[in-house]
């Protein structure tokens, strides 16, 4: 059920960070990565290249890890 909810969320929220997904679904970021992996393998979701936001390195890495829905 949650995989369907993740897909629906990503369809309506382009370039969503892992931190946003974790907050929305009240789920651990590592657990979400595990749920996103099958969707990535099926080509439904794409992990975007992340870049550091600056030089301080104090940002949560999950906030820089972005995912997007892939339109068929």
N, C-alpha and C. Protein backbone atom coordinates (compact mmCIF):
# COMPACT_ATOMS: atom_id res chain seq x y z
N UNK A 1 0.82 -1.19 0.00
CA UNK A 1 0.00 0.00 0.00
C UNK A 1 0.87 1.25 0.00
N UNK A 2 1.92 1.27 0.81
CA UNK A 2 2.73 2.49 0.88
C UNK A 2 3.46 2.76 -0.44
N UNK A 3 3.81 1.71 -1.20
CA UNK A 3 4.45 1.94 -2.49
C UNK A 3 3.54 2.73 -3.42
N UNK A 4 2.26 2.40 -3.41
CA UNK A 4 1.29 3.14 -4.23
C UNK A 4 1.21 4.59 -3.75
N UNK A 5 1.24 4.79 -2.45
CA UNK A 5 1.18 6.15 -1.89
C UNK A 5 2.44 6.95 -2.25
N UNK A 6 3.59 6.29 -2.24
CA UNK A 6 4.83 6.95 -2.63
C UNK A 6 4.75 7.37 -4.10
N UNK A 7 4.27 6.47 -4.94
CA UNK A 7 4.14 6.79 -6.37
C UNK A 7 3.21 7.97 -6.58
N UNK A 8 2.08 7.98 -5.91
CA UNK A 8 1.12 9.08 -6.02
C UNK A 8 1.75 10.39 -5.56
N UNK A 9 2.48 10.35 -4.45
CA UNK A 9 3.12 11.55 -3.93
C UNK A 9 4.15 12.09 -4.92
N UNK A 10 4.97 11.19 -5.49
CA UNK A 10 6.01 11.63 -6.41
C UNK A 10 5.42 12.17 -7.72
N UNK A 11 4.28 11.66 -8.13
CA UNK A 11 3.63 12.19 -9.34
C UNK A 11 3.24 13.65 -9.17
N UNK A 12 2.87 14.02 -7.96
CA UNK A 12 2.36 15.38 -7.71
C UNK A 12 3.39 16.31 -7.08
N UNK A 13 4.55 15.78 -6.70
CA UNK A 13 5.60 16.59 -6.08
C UNK A 13 6.93 16.34 -6.79
N UNK A 14 7.20 17.05 -7.87
CA UNK A 14 8.43 16.82 -8.63
C UNK A 14 9.68 17.14 -7.80
N UNK A 15 10.73 16.37 -8.05
CA UNK A 15 12.03 16.56 -7.38
C UNK A 15 11.86 16.63 -5.86
N UNK A 16 11.37 15.55 -5.30
CA UNK A 16 11.11 15.46 -3.87
C UNK A 16 12.33 14.88 -3.16
N UNK A 17 12.70 15.49 -2.04
CA UNK A 17 13.85 14.99 -1.30
C UNK A 17 13.43 13.80 -0.43
N UNK A 18 14.41 12.99 -0.10
CA UNK A 18 14.17 11.85 0.78
C UNK A 18 13.68 12.34 2.14
N UNK A 19 14.18 13.47 2.59
CA UNK A 19 13.74 14.03 3.86
C UNK A 19 12.26 14.42 3.82
N UNK A 20 11.81 14.97 2.70
CA UNK A 20 10.39 15.33 2.55
C UNK A 20 9.52 14.08 2.57
N UNK A 21 9.96 13.04 1.88
CA UNK A 21 9.22 11.78 1.88
C UNK A 21 9.15 11.18 3.29
N UNK A 22 10.27 11.20 3.99
CA UNK A 22 10.31 10.66 5.35
C UNK A 22 9.37 11.41 6.27
N UNK A 23 9.34 12.71 6.14
CA UNK A 23 8.46 13.53 6.97
C UNK A 23 6.99 13.28 6.61
N UNK A 24 6.70 13.23 5.33
CA UNK A 24 5.31 13.05 4.89
C UNK A 24 4.75 11.70 5.31
N UNK A 25 5.56 10.64 5.16
CA UNK A 25 5.09 9.29 5.46
C UNK A 25 5.44 8.81 6.86
N UNK A 26 6.06 9.68 7.65
CA UNK A 26 6.45 9.34 9.03
C UNK A 26 7.23 8.03 9.04
N UNK A 27 8.23 7.96 8.15
CA UNK A 27 9.02 6.75 7.96
C UNK A 27 10.50 7.10 7.94
N UNK A 28 11.31 6.18 8.41
CA UNK A 28 12.75 6.35 8.41
C UNK A 28 13.29 6.46 6.98
N UNK A 29 14.27 7.31 6.77
CA UNK A 29 14.85 7.52 5.43
C UNK A 29 15.43 6.23 4.86
N UNK A 30 16.09 5.42 5.68
CA UNK A 30 16.66 4.17 5.19
C UNK A 30 15.56 3.21 4.74
N UNK A 31 14.46 3.16 5.46
CA UNK A 31 13.33 2.30 5.06
C UNK A 31 12.75 2.78 3.73
N UNK A 32 12.67 4.09 3.55
CA UNK A 32 12.16 4.63 2.29
C UNK A 32 13.07 4.30 1.12
N UNK A 33 14.37 4.34 1.34
CA UNK A 33 15.31 3.96 0.28
C UNK A 33 15.01 2.54 -0.20
N UNK A 34 14.76 1.66 0.76
CA UNK A 34 14.43 0.29 0.42
C UNK A 34 13.15 0.18 -0.38
N UNK A 35 12.19 1.04 -0.10
CA UNK A 35 10.93 1.05 -0.83
C UNK A 35 11.08 1.69 -2.21
N UNK A 36 11.97 2.66 -2.32
CA UNK A 36 12.18 3.34 -3.59
C UNK A 36 12.99 2.49 -4.58
N UNK A 37 13.85 1.63 -4.07
CA UNK A 37 14.71 0.83 -4.95
C UNK A 37 13.94 0.00 -5.97
N UNK A 38 12.87 -0.72 -5.59
CA UNK A 38 12.12 -1.47 -6.62
C UNK A 38 11.47 -0.54 -7.66
N UNK A 39 11.04 0.62 -7.23
CA UNK A 39 10.44 1.58 -8.16
C UNK A 39 11.49 2.12 -9.12
N UNK A 40 12.71 2.28 -8.63
CA UNK A 40 13.81 2.72 -9.49
C UNK A 40 14.15 1.62 -10.50
N UNK A 41 14.24 0.38 -10.03
CA UNK A 41 14.56 -0.74 -10.92
C UNK A 41 13.50 -0.91 -12.01
N UNK A 42 12.25 -0.63 -11.68
CA UNK A 42 11.16 -0.76 -12.66
C UNK A 42 11.09 0.45 -13.59
N UNK A 43 11.89 1.48 -13.31
CA UNK A 43 11.92 2.66 -14.16
C UNK A 43 10.80 3.65 -13.88
N UNK A 44 10.13 3.52 -12.76
CA UNK A 44 9.04 4.43 -12.40
C UNK A 44 9.53 5.68 -11.68
N UNK A 45 10.65 5.53 -10.99
CA UNK A 45 11.22 6.63 -10.20
C UNK A 45 12.69 6.74 -10.58
N UNK A 46 13.18 7.97 -10.55
CA UNK A 46 14.59 8.23 -10.87
C UNK A 46 15.21 8.99 -9.70
N UNK A 47 16.41 8.56 -9.31
CA UNK A 47 17.16 9.31 -8.30
C UNK A 47 17.96 10.36 -9.04
N UNK A 48 17.80 11.60 -8.63
CA UNK A 48 18.50 12.71 -9.28
C UNK A 48 19.88 12.89 -8.66
N UNK A 49 20.79 13.39 -9.44
CA UNK A 49 22.13 13.68 -8.93
C UNK A 49 22.03 14.78 -7.89
N UNK A 50 22.62 14.56 -6.75
CA UNK A 50 22.56 15.58 -5.70
C UNK A 50 23.87 16.34 -5.65
N UNK A 51 23.75 17.59 -5.25
CA UNK A 51 24.92 18.46 -5.12
C UNK A 51 24.87 19.10 -3.75
N UNK A 52 26.02 19.27 -3.12
CA UNK A 52 26.02 19.98 -1.84
C UNK A 52 25.47 21.39 -2.03
N UNK A 53 24.72 21.85 -1.05
CA UNK A 53 24.09 23.17 -1.18
C UNK A 53 25.08 24.30 -0.90
N UNK A 54 26.19 23.99 -0.27
CA UNK A 54 27.17 25.02 0.05
C UNK A 54 28.44 24.38 0.58
N UNK A 55 29.18 25.14 1.35
CA UNK A 55 30.45 24.63 1.85
C UNK A 55 30.42 24.26 3.32
N UNK A 56 29.30 24.46 4.00
CA UNK A 56 29.28 24.22 5.44
C UNK A 56 29.11 22.74 5.79
N UNK A 57 28.53 21.93 4.90
CA UNK A 57 28.32 20.50 5.10
C UNK A 57 27.47 20.18 6.32
N UNK A 58 26.61 21.10 6.74
CA UNK A 58 25.77 20.85 7.90
C UNK A 58 24.34 20.45 7.52
N UNK A 59 24.05 20.38 6.23
CA UNK A 59 22.72 19.97 5.78
C UNK A 59 22.55 18.47 5.99
N UNK A 60 21.32 18.07 6.27
CA UNK A 60 20.98 16.66 6.38
C UNK A 60 21.16 16.03 5.00
N UNK A 61 21.96 14.98 4.86
CA UNK A 61 22.15 14.35 3.55
C UNK A 61 20.83 13.92 2.89
N UNK A 62 19.84 13.54 3.69
CA UNK A 62 18.54 13.13 3.14
C UNK A 62 17.82 14.29 2.47
N UNK A 63 18.13 15.52 2.88
CA UNK A 63 17.48 16.67 2.26
C UNK A 63 18.09 16.98 0.89
N UNK A 64 19.26 16.41 0.62
CA UNK A 64 19.93 16.63 -0.67
C UNK A 64 19.74 15.46 -1.63
N UNK A 65 19.13 14.38 -1.16
CA UNK A 65 18.88 13.18 -1.97
C UNK A 65 17.50 13.33 -2.61
N UNK A 66 17.47 13.58 -3.92
CA UNK A 66 16.23 13.89 -4.62
C UNK A 66 15.76 12.75 -5.51
N UNK A 67 14.44 12.61 -5.57
CA UNK A 67 13.81 11.59 -6.40
C UNK A 67 12.70 12.26 -7.21
N UNK A 68 12.42 11.68 -8.40
CA UNK A 68 11.33 12.19 -9.21
C UNK A 68 10.61 11.04 -9.89
N UNK A 69 9.35 11.26 -10.19
CA UNK A 69 8.53 10.32 -10.93
C UNK A 69 8.92 10.36 -12.40
N UNK A 70 8.97 9.20 -13.03
CA UNK A 70 9.30 9.11 -14.44
C UNK A 70 8.00 8.86 -15.20
N UNK A 71 7.62 9.80 -16.05
CA UNK A 71 6.42 9.62 -16.87
C UNK A 71 6.68 8.59 -17.95
N UNK A 72 5.72 7.69 -18.12
CA UNK A 72 5.88 6.67 -19.15
C UNK A 72 5.51 7.19 -20.51
